[in-house]
N, C-alpha and C. Protein backbone atom coordinates (compact mmCIF):
# COMPACT_ATOMS: atom_id res chain seq x y z
N UNK A 1 3.93 -2.31 -13.58
CA UNK A 1 3.57 -1.37 -12.55
C UNK A 1 2.19 -1.74 -12.05
N UNK A 2 1.99 -1.51 -10.76
CA UNK A 2 0.69 -1.75 -10.14
C UNK A 2 0.46 -0.73 -9.05
N UNK A 3 -0.79 -0.45 -8.79
CA UNK A 3 -1.15 0.46 -7.70
C UNK A 3 -1.92 -0.32 -6.66
N UNK A 4 -1.59 -0.08 -5.40
CA UNK A 4 -2.26 -0.76 -4.30
C UNK A 4 -2.67 0.26 -3.26
N UNK A 5 -3.83 0.02 -2.67
CA UNK A 5 -4.28 0.87 -1.58
C UNK A 5 -3.40 0.62 -0.37
N UNK A 6 -3.40 1.56 0.52
CA UNK A 6 -2.58 1.45 1.71
C UNK A 6 -3.42 1.36 2.96
N UNK A 7 -3.25 2.32 3.86
CA UNK A 7 -3.95 2.29 5.13
C UNK A 7 -4.01 3.69 5.72
N UNK A 8 -4.97 3.88 6.59
CA UNK A 8 -5.02 5.04 7.46
C UNK A 8 -4.69 4.52 8.85
N UNK A 9 -3.51 4.82 9.32
CA UNK A 9 -3.06 4.30 10.61
C UNK A 9 -3.16 5.39 11.67
N UNK A 10 -4.40 5.81 11.91
CA UNK A 10 -4.64 6.92 12.84
C UNK A 10 -3.94 6.73 14.18
N UNK A 11 -3.94 5.50 14.70
CA UNK A 11 -3.39 5.27 16.04
C UNK A 11 -1.88 5.43 16.08
N UNK A 12 -1.24 5.47 14.92
CA UNK A 12 0.21 5.60 14.87
C UNK A 12 0.65 7.02 14.51
N UNK A 13 -0.30 7.89 14.20
CA UNK A 13 0.02 9.26 13.80
C UNK A 13 0.06 10.17 15.02
N UNK A 14 0.84 11.21 14.91
CA UNK A 14 0.80 12.28 15.89
C UNK A 14 -0.49 13.08 15.71
N UNK A 15 -0.76 13.99 16.64
CA UNK A 15 -2.02 14.74 16.61
C UNK A 15 -2.24 15.47 15.29
N UNK A 16 -1.25 16.23 14.84
CA UNK A 16 -1.42 17.03 13.63
C UNK A 16 -1.67 16.16 12.40
N UNK A 17 -0.86 15.14 12.23
CA UNK A 17 -1.03 14.26 11.06
C UNK A 17 -2.39 13.55 11.12
N UNK A 18 -2.80 13.13 12.31
CA UNK A 18 -4.09 12.45 12.47
C UNK A 18 -5.23 13.38 12.03
N UNK A 19 -5.17 14.64 12.43
CA UNK A 19 -6.22 15.60 12.07
C UNK A 19 -6.20 15.92 10.57
N UNK A 20 -5.01 16.04 9.99
CA UNK A 20 -4.90 16.30 8.54
C UNK A 20 -5.46 15.12 7.76
N UNK A 21 -5.11 13.90 8.15
CA UNK A 21 -5.60 12.72 7.43
C UNK A 21 -7.11 12.57 7.59
N UNK A 22 -7.63 12.90 8.76
CA UNK A 22 -9.08 12.85 8.98
C UNK A 22 -9.77 13.86 8.06
N UNK A 23 -9.24 15.06 7.96
CA UNK A 23 -9.81 16.10 7.11
C UNK A 23 -9.81 15.65 5.65
N UNK A 24 -8.70 15.06 5.21
CA UNK A 24 -8.62 14.55 3.82
C UNK A 24 -9.69 13.49 3.60
N UNK A 25 -9.84 12.56 4.54
CA UNK A 25 -10.84 11.50 4.42
C UNK A 25 -12.25 12.10 4.36
N UNK A 26 -12.51 13.10 5.18
CA UNK A 26 -13.83 13.75 5.17
C UNK A 26 -14.07 14.45 3.84
N UNK A 27 -13.07 15.17 3.35
CA UNK A 27 -13.22 15.91 2.09
C UNK A 27 -13.46 14.97 0.90
N UNK A 28 -12.93 13.75 0.98
CA UNK A 28 -13.11 12.77 -0.10
C UNK A 28 -14.42 12.01 0.07
N UNK A 29 -15.19 12.34 1.10
CA UNK A 29 -16.46 11.65 1.32
C UNK A 29 -16.31 10.32 2.03
N UNK A 30 -15.15 10.09 2.59
CA UNK A 30 -14.90 8.83 3.27
C UNK A 30 -15.61 8.74 4.61
N UNK A 31 -15.95 7.54 4.99
CA UNK A 31 -16.58 7.30 6.28
C UNK A 31 -15.56 6.90 7.34
N UNK A 32 -14.33 6.72 6.93
CA UNK A 32 -13.28 6.22 7.81
C UNK A 32 -12.61 7.37 8.56
N UNK A 33 -13.38 8.02 9.43
CA UNK A 33 -12.86 9.19 10.14
C UNK A 33 -12.79 8.98 11.65
N UNK A 34 -13.06 7.78 12.12
CA UNK A 34 -12.93 7.47 13.54
C UNK A 34 -11.44 7.31 13.83
N UNK A 35 -10.86 8.31 14.47
CA UNK A 35 -9.40 8.32 14.67
C UNK A 35 -8.95 7.42 15.82
N UNK A 36 -9.87 6.72 16.45
CA UNK A 36 -9.48 5.80 17.53
C UNK A 36 -9.10 4.42 17.00
N UNK A 37 -9.19 4.25 15.69
CA UNK A 37 -8.84 2.95 15.09
C UNK A 37 -8.14 3.16 13.76
N UNK A 38 -7.57 2.07 13.24
CA UNK A 38 -6.86 2.09 11.95
C UNK A 38 -7.75 1.46 10.88
N UNK A 39 -7.48 1.82 9.63
CA UNK A 39 -8.20 1.28 8.48
C UNK A 39 -7.18 0.74 7.48
N UNK A 40 -7.28 -0.53 7.18
CA UNK A 40 -6.37 -1.18 6.24
C UNK A 40 -7.14 -1.43 4.94
N UNK A 41 -6.58 -0.95 3.84
CA UNK A 41 -7.24 -1.08 2.53
C UNK A 41 -6.52 -2.04 1.59
N UNK A 42 -5.33 -2.44 1.93
CA UNK A 42 -4.51 -3.26 1.04
C UNK A 42 -5.16 -4.61 0.80
N UNK A 43 -5.26 -4.98 -0.45
CA UNK A 43 -5.80 -6.28 -0.86
C UNK A 43 -4.59 -7.18 -1.09
N UNK A 44 -4.20 -7.91 -0.04
CA UNK A 44 -2.93 -8.64 -0.04
C UNK A 44 -2.86 -9.76 -1.07
N UNK A 45 -3.99 -10.36 -1.43
CA UNK A 45 -3.96 -11.39 -2.47
C UNK A 45 -3.57 -10.77 -3.81
N UNK A 46 -4.03 -9.56 -4.08
CA UNK A 46 -3.64 -8.85 -5.30
C UNK A 46 -2.17 -8.51 -5.32
N UNK A 47 -1.63 -8.11 -4.18
CA UNK A 47 -0.19 -7.83 -4.08
C UNK A 47 0.61 -9.09 -4.35
N UNK A 48 0.17 -10.21 -3.76
CA UNK A 48 0.87 -11.48 -3.96
C UNK A 48 0.84 -11.90 -5.43
N UNK A 49 -0.34 -11.79 -6.06
CA UNK A 49 -0.45 -12.16 -7.48
C UNK A 49 0.46 -11.29 -8.34
N UNK A 50 0.48 -10.00 -8.07
CA UNK A 50 1.35 -9.12 -8.83
C UNK A 50 2.81 -9.52 -8.66
N UNK A 51 3.23 -9.77 -7.44
CA UNK A 51 4.62 -10.15 -7.17
C UNK A 51 4.98 -11.46 -7.87
N UNK A 52 4.07 -12.41 -7.83
CA UNK A 52 4.32 -13.69 -8.50
C UNK A 52 4.41 -13.51 -10.01
N UNK A 53 3.50 -12.74 -10.59
CA UNK A 53 3.53 -12.49 -12.04
C UNK A 53 4.79 -11.73 -12.44
N UNK A 54 5.17 -10.76 -11.62
CA UNK A 54 6.38 -9.99 -11.89
C UNK A 54 7.60 -10.89 -11.85
N UNK A 55 7.71 -11.71 -10.83
CA UNK A 55 8.86 -12.60 -10.69
C UNK A 55 8.90 -13.62 -11.83
N UNK A 56 7.74 -14.09 -12.26
CA UNK A 56 7.69 -15.07 -13.35
C UNK A 56 8.16 -14.45 -14.66
N UNK A 57 7.99 -13.14 -14.80
CA UNK A 57 8.39 -12.46 -16.02
C UNK A 57 9.87 -12.13 -16.10
N UNK A 58 10.57 -12.31 -15.00
CA UNK A 58 12.01 -12.04 -15.01
C UNK A 58 12.75 -13.22 -15.60
N UNK A 59 13.60 -12.93 -16.54
CA UNK A 59 14.41 -13.99 -17.13
C UNK A 59 15.78 -13.95 -16.50
N UNK A 60 16.33 -15.11 -16.18
CA UNK A 60 17.67 -15.10 -15.61
C UNK A 60 18.66 -14.55 -16.64
N UNK A 61 19.60 -13.76 -16.16
CA UNK A 61 20.62 -13.20 -17.05
C UNK A 61 21.56 -14.32 -17.46
N UNK A 62 21.96 -14.26 -18.72
CA UNK A 62 22.89 -15.27 -19.23
C UNK A 62 24.24 -15.08 -18.57
N UNK A 63 24.82 -16.19 -18.17
CA UNK A 63 26.15 -16.13 -17.55
C UNK A 63 27.16 -16.32 -18.66
N UNK A 64 28.06 -15.36 -18.78
CA UNK A 64 29.09 -15.44 -19.80
C UNK A 64 30.34 -16.05 -19.18
N UNK A 65 30.89 -17.02 -19.88
CA UNK A 65 32.14 -17.60 -19.37
C UNK A 65 33.32 -16.93 -20.05
N UNK A 66 34.36 -16.76 -19.35
CA UNK A 66 35.57 -16.12 -19.87
C UNK A 66 36.55 -17.21 -20.29
N UNK A 67 36.32 -17.81 -21.42
CA UNK A 67 37.21 -18.86 -21.93
C UNK A 67 38.21 -18.31 -22.88
């Protein structure tokens, strides 16, 4: 399991959602409250490393033959 940050996509939100997300950001002490732009927090190299490590840990299932 891994946790990754997401984004505040203000420009894609409707009015109500944009205002609610702005209020949440303000209440958390965030500076990302300019609703005229989006904020991306995802660290994509970390996501890639996690996916690679996860895939490497998968073992192929044994194929059983019906002889």
